[in-house]
């Protein structure tokens, strides 16, 4: 993936998560139920487009959030969908259950006129 494609993907994702979490305040519980795993503290989500000013490191060198208990909604929601993981350059430990395949609708044909 080219650098500009990655930046474009990250910019769209960051804007979408901001709108979902702050403006629309949509119910995200059903989406979060599909997410499993725990944060491995890689810090990749805190470096999408730019390094978050609240990202720090602890004594052991692990990434940590300086405002974790008051963090923004888009931070709490990341990753909300499996597609969000494509924005990361590093390995995230979250996974998502596979979406069930939707049956492909069969095209309907107009009835043929009766022959006389």
PDB file of N, CA and C in Angstrom:
ATOM      1  N   UNK A   1       0.856  -1.168   0.000  1.00  0.00           N
ATOM      2  CA  UNK A   1       0.000   0.000   0.000  1.00  0.00           C
ATOM      3  C   UNK A   1       0.908   1.239   0.000  1.00  0.00           C
ATOM      4  N   UNK A   2       0.617   2.190  -0.880  1.00  0.00           N
ATOM      5  CA  UNK A   2       1.446   3.391  -0.944  1.00  0.00           C
ATOM      6  C   UNK A   2       1.228   4.254   0.297  1.00  0.00           C
ATOM      7  N   UNK A   3       2.169   5.140   0.548  1.00  0.00           N
ATOM      8  CA  UNK A   3       2.085   6.014   1.718  1.00  0.00           C
ATOM      9  C   UNK A   3       0.840   6.883   1.668  1.00  0.00           C
ATOM     10  N   UNK A   4       0.528   7.437   0.498  1.00  0.00           N
ATOM     11  CA  UNK A   4      -0.643   8.319   0.390  1.00  0.00           C
ATOM     12  C   UNK A   4      -1.938   7.550   0.560  1.00  0.00           C
ATOM     13  N   UNK A   5      -1.974   6.320   0.103  1.00  0.00           N
ATOM     14  CA  UNK A   5      -3.160   5.497   0.297  1.00  0.00           C
ATOM     15  C   UNK A   5      -3.362   5.222   1.780  1.00  0.00           C
ATOM     16  N   UNK A   6      -2.282   4.931   2.491  1.00  0.00           N
ATOM     17  CA  UNK A   6      -2.352   4.679   3.928  1.00  0.00           C
ATOM     18  C   UNK A   6      -2.795   5.929   4.680  1.00  0.00           C
ATOM     19  N   UNK A   7      -2.248   7.084   4.323  1.00  0.00           N
ATOM     20  CA  UNK A   7      -2.620   8.340   4.976  1.00  0.00           C
ATOM     21  C   UNK A   7      -4.087   8.644   4.723  1.00  0.00           C
ATOM     22  N   UNK A   8      -4.540   8.437   3.499  1.00  0.00           N
ATOM     23  CA  UNK A   8      -5.950   8.662   3.167  1.00  0.00           C
ATOM     24  C   UNK A   8      -6.858   7.742   3.973  1.00  0.00           C
ATOM     25  N   UNK A   9      -6.476   6.486   4.085  1.00  0.00           N
ATOM     26  CA  UNK A   9      -7.243   5.509   4.860  1.00  0.00           C
ATOM     27  C   UNK A   9      -7.302   5.922   6.329  1.00  0.00           C
ATOM     28  N   UNK A  10      -6.178   6.354   6.874  1.00  0.00           N
ATOM     29  CA  UNK A  10      -6.119   6.773   8.274  1.00  0.00           C
ATOM     30  C   UNK A  10      -6.928   8.038   8.517  1.00  0.00           C
ATOM     31  N   UNK A  11      -6.866   8.979   7.606  1.00  0.00           N
ATOM     32  CA  UNK A  11      -7.609  10.226   7.749  1.00  0.00           C
ATOM     33  C   UNK A  11      -9.116   9.975   7.733  1.00  0.00           C
ATOM     34  N   UNK A  12      -9.582   9.155   6.792  1.00  0.00           N
ATOM     35  CA  UNK A  12     -11.009   8.820   6.734  1.00  0.00           C
ATOM     36  C   UNK A  12     -11.447   8.080   7.997  1.00  0.00           C
ATOM     37  N   UNK A  13     -10.629   7.152   8.478  1.00  0.00           N
ATOM     38  CA  UNK A  13     -10.963   6.392   9.678  1.00  0.00           C
ATOM     39  C   UNK A  13     -11.007   7.266  10.918  1.00  0.00           C
ATOM     40  N   UNK A  14     -10.041   8.161  11.047  1.00  0.00           N
ATOM     41  CA  UNK A  14      -9.994   9.049  12.207  1.00  0.00           C
ATOM     42  C   UNK A  14     -11.221   9.967  12.224  1.00  0.00           C
ATOM     43  N   UNK A  15     -11.583  10.507  11.060  1.00  0.00           N
ATOM     44  CA  UNK A  15     -12.765  11.377  10.966  1.00  0.00           C
ATOM     45  C   UNK A  15     -14.041  10.594  11.260  1.00  0.00           C
ATOM     46  N   UNK A  16     -14.141   9.365  10.719  1.00  0.00           N
ATOM     47  CA  UNK A  16     -15.334   8.537  10.942  1.00  0.00           C
ATOM     48  C   UNK A  16     -15.503   8.214  12.420  1.00  0.00           C
ATOM     49  N   UNK A  17     -14.421   7.844  13.087  1.00  0.00           N
ATOM     50  CA  UNK A  17     -14.516   7.514  14.507  1.00  0.00           C
ATOM     51  C   UNK A  17     -14.866   8.731  15.348  1.00  0.00           C
ATOM     52  N   UNK A  18     -14.352   9.906  14.968  1.00  0.00           N
ATOM     53  CA  UNK A  18     -14.698  11.120  15.689  1.00  0.00           C
ATOM     54  C   UNK A  18     -16.195  11.404  15.562  1.00  0.00           C
ATOM     55  N   UNK A  19     -16.720  11.316  14.355  1.00  0.00           N
ATOM     56  CA  UNK A  19     -18.145  11.590  14.129  1.00  0.00           C
ATOM     57  C   UNK A  19     -19.001  10.560  14.854  1.00  0.00           C
ATOM     58  N   UNK A  20     -18.632   9.279  14.768  1.00  0.00           N
ATOM     59  CA  UNK A  20     -19.408   8.226  15.435  1.00  0.00           C
ATOM     60  C   UNK A  20     -19.423   8.408  16.943  1.00  0.00           C
ATOM     61  N   UNK A  21     -18.297   8.728  17.522  1.00  0.00           N
ATOM     62  CA  UNK A  21     -18.196   8.796  18.973  1.00  0.00           C
ATOM     63  C   UNK A  21     -18.602  10.118  19.577  1.00  0.00           C
ATOM     64  N   UNK A  22     -18.383  11.212  18.867  1.00  0.00           N
ATOM     65  CA  UNK A  22     -18.611  12.532  19.455  1.00  0.00           C
ATOM     66  C   UNK A  22     -19.842  13.246  18.932  1.00  0.00           C
ATOM     67  N   UNK A  23     -20.133  13.099  17.661  1.00  0.00           N
ATOM     68  CA  UNK A  23     -21.232  13.845  17.061  1.00  0.00           C
ATOM     69  C   UNK A  23     -22.514  13.011  17.046  1.00  0.00           C
ATOM     70  N   UNK A  24     -22.439  11.831  16.426  1.00  0.00           N
ATOM     71  CA  UNK A  24     -23.636  10.992  16.304  1.00  0.00           C
ATOM     72  C   UNK A  24     -23.984  10.279  17.600  1.00  0.00           C
ATOM     73  N   UNK A  25     -22.965   9.955  18.358  1.00  0.00           N
ATOM     74  CA  UNK A  25     -23.135   9.190  19.598  1.00  0.00           C
ATOM     75  C   UNK A  25     -24.013   7.961  19.365  1.00  0.00           C
ATOM     76  N   UNK A  26     -23.730   7.288  18.250  1.00  0.00           N
ATOM     77  CA  UNK A  26     -24.525   6.115  17.903  1.00  0.00           C
ATOM     78  C   UNK A  26     -24.237   4.966  18.863  1.00  0.00           C
ATOM     79  N   UNK A  27     -25.164   4.059  18.942  1.00  0.00           N
ATOM     80  CA  UNK A  27     -25.006   2.913  19.823  1.00  0.00           C
ATOM     81  C   UNK A  27     -23.968   1.969  19.214  1.00  0.00           C
ATOM     82  N   UNK A  28     -22.860   1.819  19.873  1.00  0.00           N
ATOM     83  CA  UNK A  28     -21.771   1.008  19.350  1.00  0.00           C
ATOM     84  C   UNK A  28     -21.655  -0.337  20.059  1.00  0.00           C
ATOM     85  N   UNK A  29     -22.560  -0.634  20.974  1.00  0.00           N
ATOM     86  CA  UNK A  29     -22.467  -1.876  21.744  1.00  0.00           C
ATOM     87  C   UNK A  29     -22.471  -3.106  20.846  1.00  0.00           C
ATOM     88  N   UNK A  30     -23.324  -3.122  19.820  1.00  0.00           N
ATOM     89  CA  UNK A  30     -23.394  -4.294  18.947  1.00  0.00           C
ATOM     90  C   UNK A  30     -22.093  -4.486  18.178  1.00  0.00           C
ATOM     91  N   UNK A  31     -21.437  -3.388  17.819  1.00  0.00           N
ATOM     92  CA  UNK A  31     -20.158  -3.500  17.122  1.00  0.00           C
ATOM     93  C   UNK A  31     -19.056  -3.963  18.065  1.00  0.00           C
ATOM     94  N   UNK A  32     -19.061  -3.448  19.285  1.00  0.00           N
ATOM     95  CA  UNK A  32     -18.029  -3.830  20.252  1.00  0.00           C
ATOM     96  C   UNK A  32     -18.168  -5.275  20.709  1.00  0.00           C
ATOM     97  N   UNK A  33     -19.378  -5.833  20.643  1.00  0.00           N
ATOM     98  CA  UNK A  33     -19.568  -7.241  21.011  1.00  0.00           C
ATOM     99  C   UNK A  33     -18.832  -8.173  20.059  1.00  0.00           C
ATOM    100  N   UNK A  34     -18.593  -7.729  18.841  1.00  0.00           N
ATOM    101  CA  UNK A  34     -17.891  -8.548  17.848  1.00  0.00           C
ATOM    102  C   UNK A  34     -16.377  -8.502  18.030  1.00  0.00           C
ATOM    103  N   UNK A  35     -15.903  -7.570  18.859  1.00  0.00           N
ATOM    104  CA  UNK A  35     -14.465  -7.413  19.097  1.00  0.00           C
ATOM    105  C   UNK A  35     -14.045  -8.316  20.240  1.00  0.00           C
ATOM    106  N   UNK A  36     -12.904  -8.938  20.102  1.00  0.00           N
ATOM    107  CA  UNK A  36     -12.362  -9.739  21.199  1.00  0.00           C
ATOM    108  C   UNK A  36     -10.869  -9.438  21.332  1.00  0.00           C
ATOM    109  N   UNK A  37     -10.334  -9.793  22.474  1.00  0.00           N
ATOM    110  CA  UNK A  37      -8.926  -9.548  22.742  1.00  0.00           C
ATOM    111  C   UNK A  37      -8.756  -8.396  23.706  1.00  0.00           C
ATOM    112  N   UNK A  38      -7.534  -8.133  24.036  1.00  0.00           N
ATOM    113  CA  UNK A  38      -7.202  -7.042  24.938  1.00  0.00           C
ATOM    114  C   UNK A  38      -6.086  -6.217  24.311  1.00  0.00           C
ATOM    115  N   UNK A  39      -5.952  -5.007  24.762  1.00  0.00           N
ATOM    116  CA  UNK A  39      -4.914  -4.115  24.255  1.00  0.00           C
ATOM    117  C   UNK A  39      -3.539  -4.666  24.647  1.00  0.00           C
ATOM    118  N   UNK A  40      -2.643  -4.758  23.668  1.00  0.00           N
ATOM    119  CA  UNK A  40      -1.290  -5.221  23.971  1.00  0.00           C
ATOM    120  C   UNK A  40      -0.321  -4.055  24.176  1.00  0.00           C
ATOM    121  N   UNK A  41      -0.874  -2.835  24.230  1.00  0.00           N
ATOM    122  CA  UNK A  41      -0.109  -1.624  24.515  1.00  0.00           C
ATOM    123  C   UNK A  41       1.006  -1.386  23.501  1.00  0.00           C
ATOM    124  N   UNK A  42       0.701  -1.678  22.226  1.00  0.00           N
ATOM    125  CA  UNK A  42       1.697  -1.432  21.187  1.00  0.00           C
ATOM    126  C   UNK A  42       1.788   0.044  20.825  1.00  0.00           C
ATOM    127  N   UNK A  43       0.727   0.816  21.118  1.00  0.00           N
ATOM    128  CA  UNK A  43       0.726   2.246  20.840  1.00  0.00           C
ATOM    129  C   UNK A  43       0.435   2.607  19.402  1.00  0.00           C
ATOM    130  N   UNK A  44       0.187   1.629  18.556  1.00  0.00           N
ATOM    131  CA  UNK A  44      -0.048   1.901  17.131  1.00  0.00           C
ATOM    132  C   UNK A  44      -1.276   2.769  16.907  1.00  0.00           C
ATOM    133  N   UNK A  45      -2.335   2.529  17.657  1.00  0.00           N
ATOM    134  CA  UNK A  45      -3.562   3.316  17.471  1.00  0.00           C
ATOM    135  C   UNK A  45      -3.375   4.755  17.935  1.00  0.00           C
ATOM    136  N   UNK A  46      -2.409   5.008  18.768  1.00  0.00           N
ATOM    137  CA  UNK A  46      -2.136   6.357  19.266  1.00  0.00           C
ATOM    138  C   UNK A  46      -1.167   7.101  18.356  1.00  0.00           C
ATOM    139  N   UNK A  47      -0.769   6.452  17.261  1.00  0.00           N
ATOM    140  CA  UNK A  47       0.151   7.082  16.317  1.00  0.00           C
ATOM    141  C   UNK A  47      -0.447   7.130  14.917  1.00  0.00           C
ATOM    142  N   UNK A  48      -1.772   7.043  14.806  1.00  0.00           N
ATOM    143  CA  UNK A  48      -2.414   7.143  13.495  1.00  0.00           C
ATOM    144  C   UNK A  48      -2.391   8.612  13.078  1.00  0.00           C
ATOM    145  N   UNK A  49      -1.762   8.891  11.944  1.00  0.00           N
ATOM    146  CA  UNK A  49      -1.545  10.235  11.376  1.00  0.00           C
ATOM    147  C   UNK A  49      -0.545  11.061  12.172  1.00  0.00           C
ATOM    148  N   UNK A  50      -0.619  11.053  13.485  1.00  0.00           N
ATOM    149  CA  UNK A  50       0.320  11.796  14.321  1.00  0.00           C
ATOM    150  C   UNK A  50       0.387  11.108  15.674  1.00  0.00           C
ATOM    151  N   UNK A  51       1.437  11.381  16.404  1.00  0.00           N
ATOM    152  CA  UNK A  51       1.581  10.799  17.738  1.00  0.00           C
ATOM    153  C   UNK A  51       0.722  11.600  18.716  1.00  0.00           C
ATOM    154  N   UNK A  52      -0.138  10.906  19.439  1.00  0.00           N
ATOM    155  CA  UNK A  52      -1.013  11.558  20.408  1.00  0.00           C
ATOM    156  C   UNK A  52      -0.163  12.227  21.496  1.00  0.00           C
ATOM    157  N   UNK A  53      -0.484  13.464  21.843  1.00  0.00           N
ATOM    158  CA  UNK A  53       0.305  14.134  22.880  1.00  0.00           C
ATOM    159  C   UNK A  53       0.144  13.508  24.265  1.00  0.00           C
ATOM    160  N   UNK A  54      -0.862  12.671  24.450  1.00  0.00           N
ATOM    161  CA  UNK A  54      -1.089  12.032  25.744  1.00  0.00           C
ATOM    162  C   UNK A  54      -0.446  10.646  25.829  1.00  0.00           C
ATOM    163  N   UNK A  55       0.216  10.211  24.755  1.00  0.00           N
ATOM    164  CA  UNK A  55       0.880   8.914  24.745  1.00  0.00           C
ATOM    165  C   UNK A  55       2.217   9.031  25.468  1.00  0.00           C
ATOM    166  N   UNK A  56       2.410   8.187  26.458  1.00  0.00           N
ATOM    167  CA  UNK A  56       3.659   8.182  27.205  1.00  0.00           C
ATOM    168  C   UNK A  56       4.170   6.764  27.351  1.00  0.00           C
ATOM    169  N   UNK A  57       5.225   6.607  28.072  1.00  0.00           N
ATOM    170  CA  UNK A  57       5.755   5.280  28.368  1.00  0.00           C
ATOM    171  C   UNK A  57       5.944   5.159  29.872  1.00  0.00           C
ATOM    172  N   UNK A  58       5.785   3.926  30.351  1.00  0.00           N
ATOM    173  CA  UNK A  58       5.972   3.689  31.779  1.00  0.00           C
ATOM    174  C   UNK A  58       7.417   3.273  32.053  1.00  0.00           C
ATOM    175  N   UNK A  59       7.703   2.883  33.276  1.00  0.00           N
ATOM    176  CA  UNK A  59       9.062   2.501  33.675  1.00  0.00           C
ATOM    177  C   UNK A  59       9.580   1.286  32.930  1.00  0.00           C
ATOM    178  N   UNK A  60       8.664   0.434  32.457  1.00  0.00           N
ATOM    179  CA  UNK A  60       9.057  -0.792  31.755  1.00  0.00           C
ATOM    180  C   UNK A  60       9.154  -0.594  30.248  1.00  0.00           C
ATOM    181  N   UNK A  61       8.907   0.623  29.765  1.00  0.00           N
ATOM    182  CA  UNK A  61       8.983   0.897  28.337  1.00  0.00           C
ATOM    183  C   UNK A  61       7.690   0.617  27.583  1.00  0.00           C
ATOM    184  N   UNK A  62       6.639   0.254  28.305  1.00  0.00           N
ATOM    185  CA  UNK A  62       5.336   0.012  27.672  1.00  0.00           C
ATOM    186  C   UNK A  62       4.647   1.342  27.419  1.00  0.00           C
ATOM    187  N   UNK A  63       3.908   1.404  26.310  1.00  0.00           N
ATOM    188  CA  UNK A  63       3.133   2.614  26.046  1.00  0.00           C
ATOM    189  C   UNK A  63       1.986   2.720  27.035  1.00  0.00           C
ATOM    190  N   UNK A  64       1.665   3.931  27.419  1.00  0.00           N
ATOM    191  CA  UNK A  64       0.571   4.173  28.351  1.00  0.00           C
ATOM    192  C   UNK A  64      -0.091   5.504  27.998  1.00  0.00           C
ATOM    193  N   UNK A  65      -1.361   5.623  28.331  1.00  0.00           N
ATOM    194  CA  UNK A  65      -2.117   6.842  28.083  1.00  0.00           C
ATOM    195  C   UNK A  65      -2.118   7.675  29.359  1.00  0.00           C
ATOM    196  N   UNK A  66      -1.730   8.925  29.240  1.00  0.00           N
ATOM    197  CA  UNK A  66      -1.672   9.793  30.419  1.00  0.00           C
ATOM    198  C   UNK A  66      -3.056  10.226  30.897  1.00  0.00           C
ATOM    199  N   UNK A  67      -4.069  10.093  30.039  1.00  0.00           N
ATOM    200  CA  UNK A  67      -5.430  10.492  30.415  1.00  0.00           C
ATOM    201  C   UNK A  67      -6.391   9.315  30.246  1.00  0.00           C
ATOM    202  N   UNK A  68      -5.932   8.104  30.517  1.00  0.00           N
ATOM    203  CA  UNK A  68      -6.702   6.892  30.227  1.00  0.00           C
ATOM    204  C   UNK A  68      -8.117   6.942  30.803  1.00  0.00           C
ATOM    205  N   UNK A  69      -8.296   7.359  32.018  1.00  0.00           N
ATOM    206  CA  UNK A  69      -9.627   7.364  32.631  1.00  0.00           C
ATOM    207  C   UNK A  69     -10.533   8.436  32.034  1.00  0.00           C
ATOM    208  N   UNK A  70      -9.957   9.420  31.335  1.00  0.00           N
ATOM    209  CA  UNK A  70     -10.747  10.497  30.728  1.00  0.00           C
ATOM    210  C   UNK A  70     -10.545  10.561  29.212  1.00  0.00           C
ATOM    211  N   UNK A  71     -10.097   9.462  28.598  1.00  0.00           N
ATOM    212  CA  UNK A  71      -9.748   9.503  27.183  1.00  0.00           C
ATOM    213  C   UNK A  71     -10.968   9.754  26.301  1.00  0.00           C
ATOM    214  N   UNK A  72     -10.709  10.207  25.106  1.00  0.00           N
ATOM    215  CA  UNK A  72     -11.741  10.575  24.163  1.00  0.00           C
ATOM    216  C   UNK A  72     -12.521   9.351  23.694  1.00  0.00           C
ATOM    217  N   UNK A  73     -13.743   9.582  23.235  1.00  0.00           N
ATOM    218  CA  UNK A  73     -14.598   8.464  22.814  1.00  0.00           C
ATOM    219  C   UNK A  73     -13.980   7.699  21.650  1.00  0.00           C
ATOM    220  N   UNK A  74     -13.345   8.389  20.700  1.00  0.00           N
ATOM    221  CA  UNK A  74     -12.756   7.667  19.572  1.00  0.00           C
ATOM    222  C   UNK A  74     -11.594   6.786  20.021  1.00  0.00           C
ATOM    223  N   UNK A  75     -10.964   7.117  21.128  1.00  0.00           N
ATOM    224  CA  UNK A  75      -9.906   6.262  21.667  1.00  0.00           C
ATOM    225  C   UNK A  75     -10.520   5.016  22.322  1.00  0.00           C
ATOM    226  N   UNK A  76     -11.603   5.227  23.069  1.00  0.00           N
ATOM    227  CA  UNK A  76     -12.261   4.091  23.725  1.00  0.00           C
ATOM    228  C   UNK A  76     -12.852   3.125  22.706  1.00  0.00           C
ATOM    229  N   UNK A  77     -13.275   3.633  21.557  1.00  0.00           N
ATOM    230  CA  UNK A  77     -13.936   2.811  20.548  1.00  0.00           C
ATOM    231  C   UNK A  77     -12.966   2.107  19.608  1.00  0.00           C
ATOM    232  N   UNK A  78     -11.704   2.461  19.614  1.00  0.00           N
ATOM    233  CA  UNK A  78     -10.780   1.863  18.647  1.00  0.00           C
ATOM    234  C   UNK A  78     -10.336   0.482  19.078  1.00  0.00           C
ATOM    235  N   UNK A  79     -10.372  -0.489  18.224  1.00  0.00           N
ATOM    236  CA  UNK A  79     -10.976  -0.541  16.901  1.00  0.00           C
ATOM    237  C   UNK A  79     -12.458  -0.899  17.013  1.00  0.00           C
ATOM    238  N   UNK A  80     -13.264  -0.236  16.246  1.00  0.00           N
ATOM    239  CA  UNK A  80     -14.703  -0.468  16.269  1.00  0.00           C
ATOM    240  C   UNK A  80     -15.113  -1.506  15.228  1.00  0.00           C
ATOM    241  N   UNK A  81     -14.370  -1.560  14.161  1.00  0.00           N
ATOM    242  CA  UNK A  81     -14.630  -2.520  13.081  1.00  0.00           C
ATOM    243  C   UNK A  81     -13.315  -3.165  12.675  1.00  0.00           C
ATOM    244  N   UNK A  82     -13.411  -4.319  12.051  1.00  0.00           N
ATOM    245  CA  UNK A  82     -12.203  -5.008  11.601  1.00  0.00           C
ATOM    246  C   UNK A  82     -11.424  -4.152  10.609  1.00  0.00           C
ATOM    247  N   UNK A  83     -12.128  -3.339   9.834  1.00  0.00           N
ATOM    248  CA  UNK A  83     -11.465  -2.485   8.851  1.00  0.00           C
ATOM    249  C   UNK A  83     -10.558  -1.457   9.530  1.00  0.00           C
ATOM    250  N   UNK A  84     -10.833  -1.099  10.771  1.00  0.00           N
ATOM    251  CA  UNK A  84      -9.987  -0.142  11.490  1.00  0.00           C
ATOM    252  C   UNK A  84      -8.564  -0.672  11.656  1.00  0.00           C
ATOM    253  N   UNK A  85      -8.407  -1.968  11.720  1.00  0.00           N
ATOM    254  CA  UNK A  85      -7.086  -2.557  11.936  1.00  0.00           C
ATOM    255  C   UNK A  85      -6.175  -2.372  10.728  1.00  0.00           C
ATOM    256  N   UNK A  86      -6.745  -2.103   9.540  1.00  0.00           N
ATOM    257  CA  UNK A  86      -5.923  -1.877   8.344  1.00  0.00           C
ATOM    258  C   UNK A  86      -5.131  -0.580   8.450  1.00  0.00           C
ATOM    259  N   UNK A  87      -5.563   0.332   9.312  1.00  0.00           N
ATOM    260  CA  UNK A  87      -4.897   1.620   9.449  1.00  0.00           C
ATOM    261  C   UNK A  87      -3.592   1.525  10.233  1.00  0.00           C
ATOM    262  N   UNK A  88      -3.375   0.428  10.915  1.00  0.00           N
ATOM    263  CA  UNK A  88      -2.210   0.294  11.790  1.00  0.00           C
ATOM    264  C   UNK A  88      -1.025  -0.260  11.028  1.00  0.00           C
ATOM    265  N   UNK A  89       0.132   0.260  11.332  1.00  0.00           N
ATOM    266  CA  UNK A  89       1.342  -0.266  10.731  1.00  0.00           C
ATOM    267  C   UNK A  89       1.952  -1.373  11.579  1.00  0.00           C
ATOM    268  N   UNK A  90       1.440  -1.528  12.792  1.00  0.00           N
ATOM    269  CA  UNK A  90       1.962  -2.545  13.707  1.00  0.00           C
ATOM    270  C   UNK A  90       0.878  -3.575  13.984  1.00  0.00           C
ATOM    271  N   UNK A  91       1.220  -4.590  14.704  1.00  0.00           N
ATOM    272  CA  UNK A  91       0.288  -5.673  15.017  1.00  0.00           C
ATOM    273  C   UNK A  91      -0.564  -5.326  16.224  1.00  0.00           C
ATOM    274  N   UNK A  92      -1.862  -5.350  16.053  1.00  0.00           N
ATOM    275  CA  UNK A  92      -2.809  -5.109  17.137  1.00  0.00           C
ATOM    276  C   UNK A  92      -3.334  -6.455  17.620  1.00  0.00           C
ATOM    277  N   UNK A  93      -3.589  -6.572  18.894  1.00  0.00           N
ATOM    278  CA  UNK A  93      -4.025  -7.865  19.430  1.00  0.00           C
ATOM    279  C   UNK A  93      -5.539  -8.052  19.377  1.00  0.00           C
ATOM    280  N   UNK A  94      -6.289  -7.033  18.965  1.00  0.00           N
ATOM    281  CA  UNK A  94      -7.737  -7.197  18.852  1.00  0.00           C
ATOM    282  C   UNK A  94      -8.085  -8.000  17.606  1.00  0.00           C
ATOM    283  N   UNK A  95      -9.143  -8.768  17.705  1.00  0.00           N
ATOM    284  CA  UNK A  95      -9.660  -9.519  16.564  1.00  0.00           C
ATOM    285  C   UNK A  95     -11.173  -9.333  16.513  1.00  0.00           C
ATOM    286  N   UNK A  96     -11.741  -9.679  15.387  1.00  0.00           N
ATOM    287  CA  UNK A  96     -13.180  -9.575  15.193  1.00  0.00           C
ATOM    288  C   UNK A  96     -13.707 -10.886  14.665  1.00  0.00           C
ATOM    289  N   UNK A  97     -14.937 -11.220  15.088  1.00  0.00           N
ATOM    290  CA  UNK A  97     -15.557 -12.421  14.551  1.00  0.00           C
ATOM    291  C   UNK A  97     -15.894 -12.178  13.098  1.00  0.00           C
ATOM    292  N   UNK A  98     -15.834 -13.224  12.331  1.00  0.00           N
ATOM    293  CA  UNK A  98     -16.085 -13.107  10.895  1.00  0.00           C
ATOM    294  C   UNK A  98     -17.540 -12.741  10.643  1.00  0.00           C
ATOM    295  N   UNK A  99     -17.734 -11.856   9.692  1.00  0.00           N
ATOM    296  CA  UNK A  99     -19.091 -11.483   9.297  1.00  0.00           C
ATOM    297  C   UNK A  99     -19.701 -12.624   8.500  1.00  0.00           C
ATOM    298  N   UNK A 100     -20.962 -12.962   8.775  1.00  0.00           N
ATOM    299  CA  UNK A 100     -21.586 -14.015   7.982  1.00  0.00           C
ATOM    300  C   UNK A 100     -21.754 -13.551   6.542  1.00  0.00           C
ATOM    301  N   UNK A 101     -21.569 -14.486   5.624  1.00  0.00           N
ATOM    302  CA  UNK A 101     -21.734 -14.157   4.213  1.00  0.00           C
ATOM    303  C   UNK A 101     -23.208 -13.950   3.907  1.00  0.00           C
ATOM    304  N   UNK A 102     -23.464 -12.889   3.185  1.00  0.00           N
ATOM    305  CA  UNK A 102     -24.840 -12.612   2.785  1.00  0.00           C
ATOM    306  C   UNK A 102     -25.116 -13.338   1.485  1.00  0.00           C
ATOM    307  N   UNK A 103     -26.286 -13.955   1.366  1.00  0.00           N
ATOM    308  CA  UNK A 103     -26.580 -14.633   0.104  1.00  0.00           C
ATOM    309  C   UNK A 103     -26.698 -13.613  -1.026  1.00  0.00           C
ATOM    310  N   UNK A 104     -26.185 -13.990  -2.172  1.00  0.00           N
ATOM    311  CA  UNK A 104     -26.261 -13.111  -3.330  1.00  0.00           C
ATOM    312  C   UNK A 104     -27.667 -13.172  -3.893  1.00  0.00           C
ATOM    313  N   UNK A 105     -28.314 -12.019  -4.042  1.00  0.00           N
ATOM    314  CA  UNK A 105     -29.671 -12.061  -4.585  1.00  0.00           C
ATOM    315  C   UNK A 105     -29.652 -12.502  -6.040  1.00  0.00           C
ATOM    316  N   UNK A 106     -30.599 -13.341  -6.382  1.00  0.00           N
ATOM    317  CA  UNK A 106     -30.698 -13.789  -7.762  1.00  0.00           C
ATOM    318  C   UNK A 106     -31.479 -12.753  -8.548  1.00  0.00           C
ATOM    319  N   UNK A 107     -30.994 -12.438  -9.728  1.00  0.00           N
ATOM    320  CA  UNK A 107     -31.696 -11.434 -10.519  1.00  0.00           C
ATOM    321  C   UNK A 107     -33.069 -11.950 -10.935  1.00  0.00           C
ATOM    322  N   UNK A 108     -34.025 -11.090 -10.870  1.00  0.00           N
ATOM    323  CA  UNK A 108     -35.378 -11.478 -11.276  1.00  0.00           C
ATOM    324  C   UNK A 108     -35.587 -11.085 -12.728  1.00  0.00           C
ATOM    325  N   UNK A 109     -36.269 -11.936 -13.411  1.00  0.00           N
ATOM    326  CA  UNK A 109     -36.555 -11.678 -14.814  1.00  0.00           C
ATOM    327  C   UNK A 109     -38.026 -11.309 -14.956  1.00  0.00           C
ATOM    328  N   UNK A 110     -38.264 -10.432 -15.865  1.00  0.00           N
ATOM    329  CA  UNK A 110     -39.649 -10.062 -16.146  1.00  0.00           C
ATOM    330  C   UNK A 110     -40.339 -11.247 -16.816  1.00  0.00           C
ATOM    331  N   UNK A 111     -41.606 -11.499 -16.498  1.00  0.00           N
ATOM    332  CA  UNK A 111     -42.295 -12.618 -17.133  1.00  0.00           C
ATOM    333  C   UNK A 111     -42.393 -12.397 -18.636  1.00  0.00           C
ATOM    334  N   UNK A 112     -42.215 -13.499 -19.334  1.00  0.00           N
ATOM    335  CA  UNK A 112     -42.292 -13.403 -20.796  1.00  0.00           C
ATOM    336  C   UNK A 112     -43.767 -13.370 -21.196  1.00  0.00           C
ATOM    337  N   UNK A 113     -44.073 -12.606 -22.237  1.00  0.00           N
ATOM    338  CA  UNK A 113     -45.472 -12.539 -22.675  1.00  0.00           C
ATOM    339  C   UNK A 113     -45.929 -13.902 -23.208  1.00  0.00           C
ATOM    340  N   UNK A 114     -47.173 -14.210 -22.962  1.00  0.00           N
ATOM    341  CA  UNK A 114     -47.728 -15.493 -23.424  1.00  0.00           C
ATOM    342  C   UNK A 114     -47.874 -15.458 -24.958  1.00  0.00           C
ATOM    343  N   UNK A 115     -47.553 -16.571 -25.551  1.00  0.00           N
ATOM    344  CA  UNK A 115     -47.694 -16.679 -27.010  1.00  0.00           C
ATOM    345  C   UNK A 115     -49.139 -16.979 -27.368  1.00  0.00           C
ATOM    346  N   UNK A 116     -49.632 -16.352 -28.412  1.00  0.00           N
ATOM    347  CA  UNK A 116     -51.011 -16.598 -28.833  1.00  0.00           C
ATOM    348  C   UNK A 116     -51.074 -17.469 -30.031  1.00  0.00           C
TER     349      UNK A 116
END
